[in-house]
Amino acid sequence: MDDVDGIVEAWNRERPDLDVRPLSVLSRVTRLARHLYLARTSAFAKHDLEGWELDVLAALRRSGNTYALYPGQLATQSMVTSGTLNISIDRLDARTFVQRQPDPTDRRGVRVELTDAGRLAVDGAFTDLLSHEQLLLESLSDAEQVVLADLLRDLMQQFTPLR
């Protein structure tokens, strides 16, 4: 038994008229999210990065060999709101992790490009993040991880992606 089992048992005792089975799943998801947040924060801190910084840098890193995106694409892929994106880009530019480049097809437009320093920072933090996350999942077999990922994907289908 874990603490969630105790909570579910107590609610079943106190409110037998309610179906408290969702707590068995979603309370564990909530607790897991907290552990993930702490693990990610730790991995990013080793590289002097905030979570939002890694989100932006990772979106650029995943974008392909140019490592550049338009601000609208960057906002969508990094889940940083467009209202805060310019401030985010300014801060990352000051750290020499990104640079703004003129859009080659529209002189009014701008693309945000990952620099070599930004690539090194995101690659190091991402490597550490995966190490942390592999440790969190080590109690599950590879097959169990696939099943869990499939179940979570199915559960997530009802939600609109966060922006």
Foldseek 3Di string as FASTA:
>chain_A
DDVLVVVLVVCCVVPVVDDPVVSVPVVVVVVVVVVLVVQLCVLLVVLPHDLLLLLLLVQLVPPPDQSKDFLVSSCVRSVPHSVCSVVSLVVCVVVVQWDWDADPVDRVGIMIHGDPVVVVSNVSSVVSSVVSVCVVCVVDDPVRVVVVVVVVVVVCVVDDDHD
